[in-house]
PDB file of N, CA and C in Angstrom:
ATOM      1  N   MET A   1       1.071  10.479  14.986  1.00  0.00           N
ATOM      2  CA  MET A   1       1.172  11.570  14.024  1.00  0.00           C
ATOM      3  C   MET A   1      -0.179  12.284  13.941  1.00  0.00           C
ATOM      4  N   THR A   2      -0.164  13.597  13.982  1.00  0.00           N
ATOM      5  CA  THR A   2      -1.408  14.370  13.932  1.00  0.00           C
ATOM      6  C   THR A   2      -1.974  14.403  12.515  1.00  0.00           C
ATOM      7  N   GLU A   3      -3.219  14.843  12.421  1.00  0.00           N
ATOM      8  CA  GLU A   3      -3.860  14.987  11.113  1.00  0.00           C
ATOM      9  C   GLU A   3      -3.086  15.956  10.226  1.00  0.00           C
ATOM     10  N   ASN A   4      -2.631  17.060  10.808  1.00  0.00           N
ATOM     11  CA  ASN A   4      -1.910  18.056  10.016  1.00  0.00           C
ATOM     12  C   ASN A   4      -0.550  17.543   9.543  1.00  0.00           C
ATOM     13  N   GLU A   5       0.133  16.763  10.366  1.00  0.00           N
ATOM     14  CA  GLU A   5       1.400  16.165   9.940  1.00  0.00           C
ATOM     15  C   GLU A   5       1.181  15.175   8.806  1.00  0.00           C
ATOM     16  N   THR A   6       0.139  14.365   8.941  1.00  0.00           N
ATOM     17  CA  THR A   6      -0.212  13.423   7.881  1.00  0.00           C
ATOM     18  C   THR A   6      -0.568  14.168   6.605  1.00  0.00           C
ATOM     19  N   SER A   7      -1.317  15.254   6.742  1.00  0.00           N
ATOM     20  CA  SER A   7      -1.739  16.056   5.600  1.00  0.00           C
ATOM     21  C   SER A   7      -0.546  16.591   4.805  1.00  0.00           C
ATOM     22  N   LYS A   8       0.476  17.048   5.504  1.00  0.00           N
ATOM     23  CA  LYS A   8       1.670  17.573   4.823  1.00  0.00           C
ATOM     24  C   LYS A   8       2.339  16.497   3.980  1.00  0.00           C
ATOM     25  N   ILE A   9       2.420  15.288   4.513  1.00  0.00           N
ATOM     26  CA  ILE A   9       3.006  14.171   3.767  1.00  0.00           C
ATOM     27  C   ILE A   9       2.162  13.854   2.534  1.00  0.00           C
ATOM     28  N   ILE A  10       0.846  13.856   2.698  1.00  0.00           N
ATOM     29  CA  ILE A  10      -0.063  13.546   1.585  1.00  0.00           C
ATOM     30  C   ILE A  10       0.074  14.580   0.475  1.00  0.00           C
ATOM     31  N   VAL A  11       0.070  15.851   0.829  1.00  0.00           N
ATOM     32  CA  VAL A  11       0.168  16.916  -0.173  1.00  0.00           C
ATOM     33  C   VAL A  11       1.488  16.802  -0.948  1.00  0.00           C
ATOM     34  N   ASP A  12       2.572  16.543  -0.240  1.00  0.00           N
ATOM     35  CA  ASP A  12       3.867  16.392  -0.903  1.00  0.00           C
ATOM     36  C   ASP A  12       3.866  15.181  -1.835  1.00  0.00           C
ATOM     37  N   ALA A  13       3.291  14.086  -1.390  1.00  0.00           N
ATOM     38  CA  ALA A  13       3.217  12.883  -2.225  1.00  0.00           C
ATOM     39  C   ALA A  13       2.332  13.121  -3.447  1.00  0.00           C
ATOM     40  N   ALA A  14       1.203  13.809  -3.267  1.00  0.00           N
ATOM     41  CA  ALA A  14       0.308  14.112  -4.393  1.00  0.00           C
ATOM     42  C   ALA A  14       1.021  14.980  -5.416  1.00  0.00           C
ATOM     43  N   PHE A  15       1.817  15.934  -4.950  1.00  0.00           N
ATOM     44  CA  PHE A  15       2.596  16.787  -5.847  1.00  0.00           C
ATOM     45  C   PHE A  15       3.556  15.933  -6.678  1.00  0.00           C
ATOM     46  N   LYS A  16       4.247  15.003  -6.026  1.00  0.00           N
ATOM     47  CA  LYS A  16       5.193  14.150  -6.739  1.00  0.00           C
ATOM     48  C   LYS A  16       4.491  13.286  -7.782  1.00  0.00           C
ATOM     49  N   VAL A  17       3.357  12.691  -7.398  1.00  0.00           N
ATOM     50  CA  VAL A  17       2.596  11.840  -8.327  1.00  0.00           C
ATOM     51  C   VAL A  17       2.096  12.657  -9.507  1.00  0.00           C
ATOM     52  N   HIS A  18       1.543  13.825  -9.247  1.00  0.00           N
ATOM     53  CA  HIS A  18       1.007  14.664 -10.315  1.00  0.00           C
ATOM     54  C   HIS A  18       2.114  15.148 -11.244  1.00  0.00           C
ATOM     55  N   THR A  19       3.265  15.487 -10.682  1.00  0.00           N
ATOM     56  CA  THR A  19       4.401  15.922 -11.501  1.00  0.00           C
ATOM     57  C   THR A  19       4.845  14.804 -12.447  1.00  0.00           C
ATOM     58  N   ALA A  20       4.839  13.582 -11.945  1.00  0.00           N
ATOM     59  CA  ALA A  20       5.289  12.443 -12.748  1.00  0.00           C
ATOM     60  C   ALA A  20       4.257  12.010 -13.790  1.00  0.00           C
ATOM     61  N   LEU A  21       2.977  12.000 -13.422  1.00  0.00           N
ATOM     62  CA  LEU A  21       1.946  11.440 -14.301  1.00  0.00           C
ATOM     63  C   LEU A  21       1.111  12.480 -15.037  1.00  0.00           C
ATOM     64  N   GLY A  22       0.971  13.669 -14.457  1.00  0.00           N
ATOM     65  CA  GLY A  22       0.139  14.697 -15.065  1.00  0.00           C
ATOM     66  C   GLY A  22      -1.335  14.386 -14.930  1.00  0.00           C
ATOM     67  N   PRO A  23      -2.181  15.232 -15.507  1.00  0.00           N
ATOM     68  CA  PRO A  23      -3.636  15.041 -15.438  1.00  0.00           C
ATOM     69  C   PRO A  23      -4.124  14.066 -16.506  1.00  0.00           C
ATOM     70  N   GLY A  24      -5.377  13.622 -16.339  1.00  0.00           N
ATOM     71  CA  GLY A  24      -6.042  12.886 -17.405  1.00  0.00           C
ATOM     72  C   GLY A  24      -6.161  11.388 -17.243  1.00  0.00           C
ATOM     73  N   LEU A  25      -5.617  10.812 -16.171  1.00  0.00           N
ATOM     74  CA  LEU A  25      -5.735   9.366 -15.970  1.00  0.00           C
ATOM     75  C   LEU A  25      -6.961   9.040 -15.126  1.00  0.00           C
ATOM     76  N   LEU A  26      -7.268   7.769 -15.009  1.00  0.00           N
ATOM     77  CA  LEU A  26      -8.395   7.338 -14.195  1.00  0.00           C
ATOM     78  C   LEU A  26      -8.079   7.504 -12.709  1.00  0.00           C
ATOM     79  N   GLU A  27      -9.109   7.699 -11.916  1.00  0.00           N
ATOM     80  CA  GLU A  27      -8.950   7.841 -10.470  1.00  0.00           C
ATOM     81  C   GLU A  27      -8.254   6.623  -9.872  1.00  0.00           C
ATOM     82  N   SER A  28      -8.554   5.442 -10.384  1.00  0.00           N
ATOM     83  CA  SER A  28      -7.957   4.219  -9.840  1.00  0.00           C
ATOM     84  C   SER A  28      -6.438   4.201 -10.013  1.00  0.00           C
ATOM     85  N   VAL A  29      -5.938   4.803 -11.076  1.00  0.00           N
ATOM     86  CA  VAL A  29      -4.488   4.881 -11.292  1.00  0.00           C
ATOM     87  C   VAL A  29      -3.860   5.789 -10.246  1.00  0.00           C
ATOM     88  N   TYR A  30      -4.444   6.961 -10.053  1.00  0.00           N
ATOM     89  CA  TYR A  30      -3.917   7.887  -9.054  1.00  0.00           C
ATOM     90  C   TYR A  30      -3.992   7.282  -7.647  1.00  0.00           C
ATOM     91  N   GLU A  31      -5.061   6.561  -7.360  1.00  0.00           N
ATOM     92  CA  GLU A  31      -5.191   5.920  -6.052  1.00  0.00           C
ATOM     93  C   GLU A  31      -4.068   4.915  -5.818  1.00  0.00           C
ATOM     94  N   ALA A  32      -3.803   4.076  -6.805  1.00  0.00           N
ATOM     95  CA  ALA A  32      -2.757   3.059  -6.664  1.00  0.00           C
ATOM     96  C   ALA A  32      -1.378   3.684  -6.515  1.00  0.00           C
ATOM     97  N   VAL A  33      -1.075   4.669  -7.344  1.00  0.00           N
ATOM     98  CA  VAL A  33       0.249   5.286  -7.314  1.00  0.00           C
ATOM     99  C   VAL A  33       0.432   6.125  -6.051  1.00  0.00           C
ATOM    100  N   LEU A  34      -0.601   6.862  -5.656  1.00  0.00           N
ATOM    101  CA  LEU A  34      -0.501   7.658  -4.423  1.00  0.00           C
ATOM    102  C   LEU A  34      -0.330   6.732  -3.212  1.00  0.00           C
ATOM    103  N   SER A  35      -1.034   5.617  -3.197  1.00  0.00           N
ATOM    104  CA  SER A  35      -0.871   4.642  -2.115  1.00  0.00           C
ATOM    105  C   SER A  35       0.567   4.153  -2.040  1.00  0.00           C
ATOM    106  N   PHE A  36       1.123   3.804  -3.186  1.00  0.00           N
ATOM    107  CA  PHE A  36       2.511   3.349  -3.257  1.00  0.00           C
ATOM    108  C   PHE A  36       3.460   4.415  -2.714  1.00  0.00           C
ATOM    109  N   GLU A  37       3.267   5.657  -3.143  1.00  0.00           N
ATOM    110  CA  GLU A  37       4.142   6.753  -2.718  1.00  0.00           C
ATOM    111  C   GLU A  37       4.030   7.005  -1.215  1.00  0.00           C
ATOM    112  N   LEU A  38       2.819   6.941  -0.676  1.00  0.00           N
ATOM    113  CA  LEU A  38       2.631   7.159   0.754  1.00  0.00           C
ATOM    114  C   LEU A  38       3.226   6.019   1.580  1.00  0.00           C
ATOM    115  N   GLU A  39       3.099   4.803   1.093  1.00  0.00           N
ATOM    116  CA  GLU A  39       3.709   3.665   1.785  1.00  0.00           C
ATOM    117  C   GLU A  39       5.228   3.794   1.802  1.00  0.00           C
ATOM    118  N   LYS A  40       5.817   4.268   0.693  1.00  0.00           N
ATOM    119  CA  LYS A  40       7.264   4.501   0.658  1.00  0.00           C
ATOM    120  C   LYS A  40       7.687   5.487   1.738  1.00  0.00           C
ATOM    121  N   ARG A  41       6.786   6.403   2.088  1.00  0.00           N
ATOM    122  CA  ARG A  41       7.091   7.437   3.083  1.00  0.00           C
ATOM    123  C   ARG A  41       6.743   6.993   4.506  1.00  0.00           C
ATOM    124  N   GLY A  42       6.394   5.719   4.651  1.00  0.00           N
ATOM    125  CA  GLY A  42       6.146   5.166   5.978  1.00  0.00           C
ATOM    126  C   GLY A  42       4.730   5.305   6.500  1.00  0.00           C
ATOM    127  N   CYS A  43       3.809   5.685   5.649  1.00  0.00           N
ATOM    128  CA  CYS A  43       2.419   5.837   6.074  1.00  0.00           C
ATOM    129  C   CYS A  43       1.690   4.499   6.043  1.00  0.00           C
ATOM    130  N   ASP A  44       0.738   4.350   6.961  1.00  0.00           N
ATOM    131  CA  ASP A  44      -0.169   3.202   6.940  1.00  0.00           C
ATOM    132  C   ASP A  44      -1.345   3.561   6.047  1.00  0.00           C
ATOM    133  N   ILE A  45      -1.626   2.704   5.064  1.00  0.00           N
ATOM    134  CA  ILE A  45      -2.658   2.986   4.066  1.00  0.00           C
ATOM    135  C   ILE A  45      -3.722   1.906   4.091  1.00  0.00           C
ATOM    136  N   ILE A  46      -4.964   2.329   4.057  1.00  0.00           N
ATOM    137  CA  ILE A  46      -6.075   1.414   3.829  1.00  0.00           C
ATOM    138  C   ILE A  46      -6.788   1.914   2.580  1.00  0.00           C
ATOM    139  N   ARG A  47      -6.892   1.037   1.585  1.00  0.00           N
ATOM    140  CA  ARG A  47      -7.569   1.403   0.332  1.00  0.00           C
ATOM    141  C   ARG A  47      -8.983   0.838   0.305  1.00  0.00           C
ATOM    142  N   GLN A  48      -9.913   1.655  -0.196  1.00  0.00           N
ATOM    143  CA  GLN A  48     -11.296   1.245  -0.391  1.00  0.00           C
ATOM    144  C   GLN A  48     -11.903   0.636   0.874  1.00  0.00           C
ATOM    145  N   GLN A  49     -11.681   1.303   1.991  1.00  0.00           N
ATOM    146  CA  GLN A  49     -12.202   0.847   3.274  1.00  0.00           C
ATOM    147  C   GLN A  49     -13.712   1.024   3.332  1.00  0.00           C
ATOM    148  N   ALA A  50     -14.425  -0.062   3.614  1.00  0.00           N
ATOM    149  CA  ALA A  50     -15.874   0.009   3.769  1.00  0.00           C
ATOM    150  C   ALA A  50     -16.199   0.685   5.098  1.00  0.00           C
ATOM    151  N   ILE A  51     -17.058   1.684   5.047  1.00  0.00           N
ATOM    152  CA  ILE A  51     -17.493   2.405   6.245  1.00  0.00           C
ATOM    153  C   ILE A  51     -18.993   2.163   6.410  1.00  0.00           C
ATOM    154  N   PRO A  52     -19.398   1.624   7.559  1.00  0.00           N
ATOM    155  CA  PRO A  52     -20.820   1.337   7.751  1.00  0.00           C
ATOM    156  C   PRO A  52     -21.651   2.601   7.972  1.00  0.00           C
ATOM    157  N   VAL A  53     -22.919   2.475   7.695  1.00  0.00           N
ATOM    158  CA  VAL A  53     -23.886   3.533   7.968  1.00  0.00           C
ATOM    159  C   VAL A  53     -24.990   2.922   8.825  1.00  0.00           C
ATOM    160  N   VAL A  54     -25.301   3.607   9.915  1.00  0.00           N
ATOM    161  CA  VAL A  54     -26.370   3.157  10.797  1.00  0.00           C
ATOM    162  C   VAL A  54     -27.455   4.228  10.796  1.00  0.00           C
ATOM    163  N   TYR A  55     -28.656   3.788  10.507  1.00  0.00           N
ATOM    164  CA  TYR A  55     -29.810   4.681  10.525  1.00  0.00           C
ATOM    165  C   TYR A  55     -30.913   3.993  11.319  1.00  0.00           C
ATOM    166  N   GLU A  56     -31.251   4.568  12.453  1.00  0.00           N
ATOM    167  CA  GLU A  56     -32.223   3.986  13.380  1.00  0.00           C
ATOM    168  C   GLU A  56     -31.858   2.528  13.648  1.00  0.00           C
ATOM    169  N   THR A  57     -32.620   1.569  13.165  1.00  0.00           N
ATOM    170  CA  THR A  57     -32.316   0.159  13.408  1.00  0.00           C
ATOM    171  C   THR A  57     -31.659  -0.517  12.207  1.00  0.00           C
ATOM    172  N   VAL A  58     -31.403   0.245  11.157  1.00  0.00           N
ATOM    173  CA  VAL A  58     -30.816  -0.320   9.947  1.00  0.00           C
ATOM    174  C   VAL A  58     -29.300  -0.134   9.984  1.00  0.00           C
ATOM    175  N   HIS A  59     -28.579  -1.212   9.791  1.00  0.00           N
ATOM    176  CA  HIS A  59     -27.112  -1.183   9.759  1.00  0.00           C
ATOM    177  C   HIS A  59     -26.642  -1.666   8.399  1.00  0.00           C
ATOM    178  N   LEU A  60     -26.056  -0.759   7.619  1.00  0.00           N
ATOM    179  CA  LEU A  60     -25.492  -1.124   6.316  1.00  0.00           C
ATOM    180  C   LEU A  60     -23.990  -1.296   6.497  1.00  0.00           C
ATOM    181  N   ASP A  61     -23.498  -2.506   6.271  1.00  0.00           N
ATOM    182  CA  ASP A  61     -22.070  -2.765   6.463  1.00  0.00           C
ATOM    183  C   ASP A  61     -21.205  -1.893   5.572  1.00  0.00           C
ATOM    184  N   THR A  62     -21.677  -1.619   4.371  1.00  0.00           N
ATOM    185  CA  THR A  62     -20.926  -0.778   3.455  1.00  0.00           C
ATOM    186  C   THR A  62     -21.810   0.383   3.023  1.00  0.00           C
ATOM    187  N   GLY A  63     -21.737   1.460   3.776  1.00  0.00           N
ATOM    188  CA  GLY A  63     -22.472   2.661   3.414  1.00  0.00           C
ATOM    189  C   GLY A  63     -21.749   3.404   2.301  1.00  0.00           C
ATOM    190  N   PHE A  64     -20.422   3.377   2.384  1.00  0.00           N
ATOM    191  CA  PHE A  64     -19.575   3.949   1.341  1.00  0.00           C
ATOM    192  C   PHE A  64     -18.190   3.362   1.491  1.00  0.00           C
ATOM    193  N   ARG A  65     -17.336   3.614   0.530  1.00  0.00           N
ATOM    194  CA  ARG A  65     -15.945   3.169   0.585  1.00  0.00           C
ATOM    195  C   ARG A  65     -15.043   4.401   0.520  1.00  0.00           C
ATOM    196  N   ALA A  66     -14.194   4.526   1.515  1.00  0.00           N
ATOM    197  CA  ALA A  66     -13.219   5.612   1.525  1.00  0.00           C
ATOM    198  C   ALA A  66     -12.099   5.230   0.567  1.00  0.00           C
ATOM    199  N   ASP A  67     -11.754   6.125  -0.363  1.00  0.00           N
ATOM    200  CA  ASP A  67     -10.675   5.820  -1.317  1.00  0.00           C
ATOM    201  C   ASP A  67      -9.408   5.427  -0.567  1.00  0.00           C
ATOM    202  N   LEU A  68      -8.937   6.305   0.302  1.00  0.00           N
ATOM    203  CA  LEU A  68      -7.747   6.024   1.108  1.00  0.00           C
ATOM    204  C   LEU A  68      -7.959   6.567   2.518  1.00  0.00           C
ATOM    205  N   ILE A  69      -7.511   5.796   3.498  1.00  0.00           N
ATOM    206  CA  ILE A  69      -7.393   6.300   4.868  1.00  0.00           C
ATOM    207  C   ILE A  69      -5.913   6.202   5.210  1.00  0.00           C
ATOM    208  N   VAL A  70      -5.326   7.329   5.578  1.00  0.00           N
ATOM    209  CA  VAL A  70      -3.888   7.416   5.805  1.00  0.00           C
ATOM    210  C   VAL A  70      -3.617   7.603   7.300  1.00  0.00           C
ATOM    211  N   ASN A  71      -2.766   6.749   7.816  1.00  0.00           N
ATOM    212  CA  ASN A  71      -2.366   6.772   9.228  1.00  0.00           C
ATOM    213  C   ASN A  71      -3.555   6.742  10.183  1.00  0.00           C
ATOM    214  N   GLY A  72      -4.655   6.209   9.713  1.00  0.00           N
ATOM    215  CA  GLY A  72      -5.841   6.075  10.552  1.00  0.00           C
ATOM    216  C   GLY A  72      -6.547   7.364  10.886  1.00  0.00           C
ATOM    217  N   ASN A  73      -6.063   8.497  10.307  1.00  0.00           N
ATOM    218  CA  ASN A  73      -6.683   9.754  10.732  1.00  0.00           C
ATOM    219  C   ASN A  73      -7.044  10.735   9.617  1.00  0.00           C
ATOM    220  N   VAL A  74      -6.709  10.439   8.361  1.00  0.00           N
ATOM    221  CA  VAL A  74      -7.062  11.339   7.260  1.00  0.00           C
ATOM    222  C   VAL A  74      -7.697  10.524   6.129  1.00  0.00           C
ATOM    223  N   ILE A  75      -8.852  10.967   5.679  1.00  0.00           N
ATOM    224  CA  ILE A  75      -9.507  10.349   4.525  1.00  0.00           C
ATOM    225  C   ILE A  75      -9.132  11.131   3.283  1.00  0.00           C
ATOM    226  N   ILE A  76      -8.743  10.410   2.239  1.00  0.00           N
ATOM    227  CA  ILE A  76      -8.477  11.042   0.945  1.00  0.00           C
ATOM    228  C   ILE A  76      -9.557  10.584  -0.023  1.00  0.00           C
ATOM    229  N   GLU A  77     -10.207  11.532  -0.649  1.00  0.00           N
ATOM    230  CA  GLU A  77     -11.153  11.264  -1.733  1.00  0.00           C
ATOM    231  C   GLU A  77     -10.474  11.722  -3.011  1.00  0.00           C
ATOM    232  N   ILE A  78     -10.257  10.785  -3.925  1.00  0.00           N
ATOM    233  CA  ILE A  78      -9.532  11.067  -5.159  1.00  0.00           C
ATOM    234  C   ILE A  78     -10.520  11.288  -6.297  1.00  0.00           C
ATOM    235  N   LYS A  79     -10.267  12.339  -7.053  1.00  0.00           N
ATOM    236  CA  LYS A  79     -11.076  12.649  -8.235  1.00  0.00           C
ATOM    237  C   LYS A  79     -10.161  12.900  -9.418  1.00  0.00           C
ATOM    238  N   SER A  80     -10.703  12.690 -10.593  1.00  0.00           N
ATOM    239  CA  SER A  80     -10.054  13.071 -11.841  1.00  0.00           C
ATOM    240  C   SER A  80     -11.162  13.621 -12.733  1.00  0.00           C
ATOM    241  N   VAL A  81     -11.605  14.827 -12.381  1.00  0.00           N
ATOM    242  CA  VAL A  81     -12.761  15.440 -13.032  1.00  0.00           C
ATOM    243  C   VAL A  81     -12.412  16.827 -13.536  1.00  0.00           C
ATOM    244  N   GLU A  82     -13.250  17.344 -14.414  1.00  0.00           N
ATOM    245  CA  GLU A  82     -13.023  18.671 -14.977  1.00  0.00           C
ATOM    246  C   GLU A  82     -13.000  19.755 -13.903  1.00  0.00           C
ATOM    247  N   ALA A  83     -13.921  19.633 -12.935  1.00  0.00           N
ATOM    248  CA  ALA A  83     -13.983  20.621 -11.860  1.00  0.00           C
ATOM    249  C   ALA A  83     -14.601  19.988 -10.621  1.00  0.00           C
ATOM    250  N   ILE A  84     -14.129  20.421  -9.477  1.00  0.00           N
ATOM    251  CA  ILE A  84     -14.718  19.975  -8.208  1.00  0.00           C
ATOM    252  C   ILE A  84     -16.066  20.663  -8.057  1.00  0.00           C
ATOM    253  N   SER A  85     -17.050  19.871  -7.711  1.00  0.00           N
ATOM    254  CA  SER A  85     -18.396  20.390  -7.522  1.00  0.00           C
ATOM    255  C   SER A  85     -18.674  20.503  -6.018  1.00  0.00           C
ATOM    256  N   PRO A  86     -19.575  21.371  -5.612  1.00  0.00           N
ATOM    257  CA  PRO A  86     -19.909  21.473  -4.184  1.00  0.00           C
ATOM    258  C   PRO A  86     -20.343  20.136  -3.578  1.00  0.00           C
ATOM    259  N   VAL A  87     -20.957  19.273  -4.379  1.00  0.00           N
ATOM    260  CA  VAL A  87     -21.394  17.980  -3.849  1.00  0.00           C
ATOM    261  C   VAL A  87     -20.205  17.101  -3.452  1.00  0.00           C
ATOM    262  N   HIS A  88     -19.071  17.249  -4.127  1.00  0.00           N
ATOM    263  CA  HIS A  88     -17.877  16.478  -3.756  1.00  0.00           C
ATOM    264  C   HIS A  88     -17.409  16.848  -2.348  1.00  0.00           C
ATOM    265  N   LEU A  89     -17.450  18.127  -2.025  1.00  0.00           N
ATOM    266  CA  LEU A  89     -17.050  18.584  -0.696  1.00  0.00           C
ATOM    267  C   LEU A  89     -18.045  18.115   0.367  1.00  0.00           C
ATOM    268  N   LYS A  90     -19.335  18.179   0.048  1.00  0.00           N
ATOM    269  CA  LYS A  90     -20.362  17.708   0.977  1.00  0.00           C
ATOM    270  C   LYS A  90     -20.224  16.208   1.215  1.00  0.00           C
ATOM    271  N   GLN A  91     -19.925  15.480   0.151  1.00  0.00           N
ATOM    272  CA  GLN A  91     -19.744  14.036   0.246  1.00  0.00           C
ATOM    273  C   GLN A  91     -18.603  13.706   1.210  1.00  0.00           C
ATOM    274  N   LEU A  92     -17.468  14.365   1.063  1.00  0.00           N
ATOM    275  CA  LEU A  92     -16.335  14.112   1.938  1.00  0.00           C
ATOM    276  C   LEU A  92     -16.640  14.512   3.371  1.00  0.00           C
ATOM    277  N   ARG A  93     -17.341  15.603   3.556  1.00  0.00           N
ATOM    278  CA  ARG A  93     -17.719  16.034   4.907  1.00  0.00           C
ATOM    279  C   ARG A  93     -18.589  14.956   5.573  1.00  0.00           C
ATOM    280  N   THR A  94     -19.516  14.382   4.828  1.00  0.00           N
ATOM    281  CA  THR A  94     -20.360  13.306   5.361  1.00  0.00           C
ATOM    282  C   THR A  94     -19.529  12.066   5.668  1.00  0.00           C
ATOM    283  N   TYR A  95     -18.583  11.726   4.803  1.00  0.00           N
ATOM    284  CA  TYR A  95     -17.685  10.595   5.056  1.00  0.00           C
ATOM    285  C   TYR A  95     -16.935  10.788   6.375  1.00  0.00           C
ATOM    286  N   LEU A  96     -16.424  11.996   6.605  1.00  0.00           N
ATOM    287  CA  LEU A  96     -15.692  12.279   7.840  1.00  0.00           C
ATOM    288  C   LEU A  96     -16.595  12.073   9.052  1.00  0.00           C
ATOM    289  N   LEU A  97     -17.807  12.556   8.960  1.00  0.00           N
ATOM    290  CA  LEU A  97     -18.752  12.434  10.056  1.00  0.00           C
ATOM    291  C   LEU A  97     -19.057  10.967  10.350  1.00  0.00           C
ATOM    292  N   LEU A  98     -19.360  10.194   9.307  1.00  0.00           N
ATOM    293  CA  LEU A  98     -19.724   8.787   9.489  1.00  0.00           C
ATOM    294  C   LEU A  98     -18.540   7.936   9.954  1.00  0.00           C
ATOM    295  N   ALA A  99     -17.335   8.293   9.515  1.00  0.00           N
ATOM    296  CA  ALA A  99     -16.139   7.525   9.881  1.00  0.00           C
ATOM    297  C   ALA A  99     -15.498   8.044  11.164  1.00  0.00           C
ATOM    298  N   ASP A 100     -16.062   9.098  11.723  1.00  0.00           N
ATOM    299  CA  ASP A 100     -15.528   9.731  12.937  1.00  0.00           C
ATOM    300  C   ASP A 100     -14.064  10.150  12.759  1.00  0.00           C
ATOM    301  N   LYS A 101     -13.786  10.808  11.637  1.00  0.00           N
ATOM    302  CA  LYS A 101     -12.458  11.364  11.359  1.00  0.00           C
ATOM    303  C   LYS A 101     -12.579  12.878  11.337  1.00  0.00           C
ATOM    304  N   LYS A 102     -11.448  13.556  11.554  1.00  0.00           N
ATOM    305  CA  LYS A 102     -11.469  15.010  11.639  1.00  0.00           C
ATOM    306  C   LYS A 102     -11.011  15.720  10.370  1.00  0.00           C
ATOM    307  N   LEU A 103     -10.213  15.042   9.535  1.00  0.00           N
ATOM    308  CA  LEU A 103      -9.654  15.721   8.371  1.00  0.00           C
ATOM    309  C   LEU A 103      -9.767  14.856   7.130  1.00  0.00           C
ATOM    310  N   GLY A 104     -10.164  15.504   6.042  1.00  0.00           N
ATOM    311  CA  GLY A 104     -10.201  14.844   4.749  1.00  0.00           C
ATOM    312  C   GLY A 104      -9.565  15.733   3.700  1.00  0.00           C
ATOM    313  N   LEU A 105      -8.973  15.110   2.716  1.00  0.00           N
ATOM    314  CA  LEU A 105      -8.419  15.841   1.577  1.00  0.00           C
ATOM    315  C   LEU A 105      -9.117  15.361   0.318  1.00  0.00           C
ATOM    316  N   LEU A 106      -9.688  16.292  -0.408  1.00  0.00           N
ATOM    317  CA  LEU A 106     -10.270  16.017  -1.714  1.00  0.00           C
ATOM    318  C   LEU A 106      -9.206  16.409  -2.724  1.00  0.00           C
ATOM    319  N   ILE A 107      -8.711  15.422  -3.473  1.00  0.00           N
ATOM    320  CA  ILE A 107      -7.626  15.684  -4.410  1.00  0.00           C
ATOM    321  C   ILE A 107      -8.106  15.377  -5.824  1.00  0.00           C
ATOM    322  N   ASN A 108      -8.162  16.434  -6.644  1.00  0.00           N
ATOM    323  CA  ASN A 108      -8.515  16.301  -8.056  1.00  0.00           C
ATOM    324  C   ASN A 108      -7.222  16.354  -8.868  1.00  0.00           C
ATOM    325  N   PHE A 109      -6.869  15.227  -9.486  1.00  0.00           N
ATOM    326  CA  PHE A 109      -5.630  15.156 -10.257  1.00  0.00           C
ATOM    327  C   PHE A 109      -5.785  15.700 -11.674  1.00  0.00           C
ATOM    328  N   ASN A 110      -7.004  16.027 -12.082  1.00  0.00           N
ATOM    329  CA  ASN A 110      -7.228  16.500 -13.449  1.00  0.00           C
ATOM    330  C   ASN A 110      -7.118  18.024 -13.525  1.00  0.00           C
ATOM    331  N   VAL A 111      -5.978  18.538 -13.053  1.00  0.00           N
ATOM    332  CA  VAL A 111      -5.706  19.976 -13.059  1.00  0.00           C
ATOM    333  C   VAL A 111      -4.289  20.196 -13.569  1.00  0.00           C
ATOM    334  N   GLU A 112      -4.019  21.412 -14.040  1.00  0.00           N
ATOM    335  CA  GLU A 112      -2.659  21.721 -14.497  1.00  0.00           C
ATOM    336  C   GLU A 112      -1.679  21.802 -13.331  1.00  0.00           C
ATOM    337  N   LEU A 113      -2.098  22.459 -12.247  1.00  0.00           N
ATOM    338  CA  LEU A 113      -1.278  22.582 -11.044  1.00  0.00           C
ATOM    339  C   LEU A 113      -1.990  21.885  -9.894  1.00  0.00           C
ATOM    340  N   ILE A 114      -1.326  20.922  -9.275  1.00  0.00           N
ATOM    341  CA  ILE A 114      -1.971  20.128  -8.230  1.00  0.00           C
ATOM    342  C   ILE A 114      -2.433  20.988  -7.055  1.00  0.00           C
ATOM    343  N   LYS A 115      -1.752  22.097  -6.789  1.00  0.00           N
ATOM    344  CA  LYS A 115      -2.184  22.971  -5.682  1.00  0.00           C
ATOM    345  C   LYS A 115      -3.604  23.477  -5.904  1.00  0.00           C
ATOM    346  N   ASP A 116      -4.039  23.562  -7.163  1.00  0.00           N
ATOM    347  CA  ASP A 116      -5.406  23.992  -7.470  1.00  0.00           C
ATOM    348  C   ASP A 116      -6.416  22.853  -7.316  1.00  0.00           C
ATOM    349  N   GLY A 117      -5.925  21.621  -7.145  1.00  0.00           N
ATOM    350  CA  GLY A 117      -6.809  20.461  -7.062  1.00  0.00           C
ATOM    351  C   GLY A 117      -6.960  19.888  -5.666  1.00  0.00           C
ATOM    352  N   ILE A 118      -6.360  20.501  -4.658  1.00  0.00           N
ATOM    353  CA  ILE A 118      -6.418  19.958  -3.301  1.00  0.00           C
ATOM    354  C   ILE A 118      -7.290  20.839  -2.419  1.00  0.00           C
ATOM    355  N   ARG A 119      -8.264  20.205  -1.773  1.00  0.00           N
ATOM    356  CA  ARG A 119      -9.155  20.917  -0.851  1.00  0.00           C
ATOM    357  C   ARG A 119      -9.181  20.191   0.485  1.00  0.00           C
ATOM    358  N   ARG A 120      -9.011  20.934   1.563  1.00  0.00           N
ATOM    359  CA  ARG A 120      -9.124  20.394   2.913  1.00  0.00           C
ATOM    360  C   ARG A 120     -10.577  20.487   3.374  1.00  0.00           C
ATOM    361  N   VAL A 121     -11.061  19.424   3.988  1.00  0.00           N
ATOM    362  CA  VAL A 121     -12.394  19.411   4.563  1.00  0.00           C
ATOM    363  C   VAL A 121     -12.226  18.943   6.005  1.00  0.00           C
ATOM    364  N   VAL A 122     -12.806  19.688   6.949  1.00  0.00           N
ATOM    365  CA  VAL A 122     -12.638  19.353   8.351  1.00  0.00           C
ATOM    366  C   VAL A 122     -13.967  19.013   9.021  1.00  0.00           C
ATOM    367  N   ASN A 123     -13.846  18.213  10.059  1.00  0.00           N
ATOM    368  CA  ASN A 123     -14.974  17.822  10.896  1.00  0.00           C
ATOM    369  C   ASN A 123     -14.543  18.022  12.335  1.00  0.00           C
ATOM    370  N   ASN A 124     -14.813  19.183  12.890  1.00  0.00           N
ATOM    371  CA  ASN A 124     -14.452  19.503  14.276  1.00  0.00           C
ATOM    372  C   ASN A 124     -12.964  19.387  14.567  1.00  0.00           C
ATOM    373  N   LEU A 125     -12.144  19.817  13.650  1.00  0.00           N
ATOM    374  CA  LEU A 125     -10.684  19.776  13.853  1.00  0.00           C
ATOM    375  C   LEU A 125     -10.241  21.023  14.582  1.00  0.00           C
TER     376      LEU A 125
END
């Protein structure tokens, strides 16, 4: 499955979760429920995957944790914040680079309409 095919499934699942739960919950709740919904749709999910960071001779086993990796090719960064900040997009772009992935979705569930809370971030896609 391509990144774009996976992305369509994720966006549809996020819409369903947001419609059912609305805004205002903790990120961990949205992560758990979105994972459940994506698994129901046949997606392979890895939650809180540790991604190493290598700098010169230093190897950090856990440089960061990806909220969700879907079908091995899309990183989802989940937020429940008042507004997406430019640093959130930069953070996801760096995650994509370090994890050698091409597509990431930044999903902020703390919005009235979920379409306003989803941002695509690409790395050489």
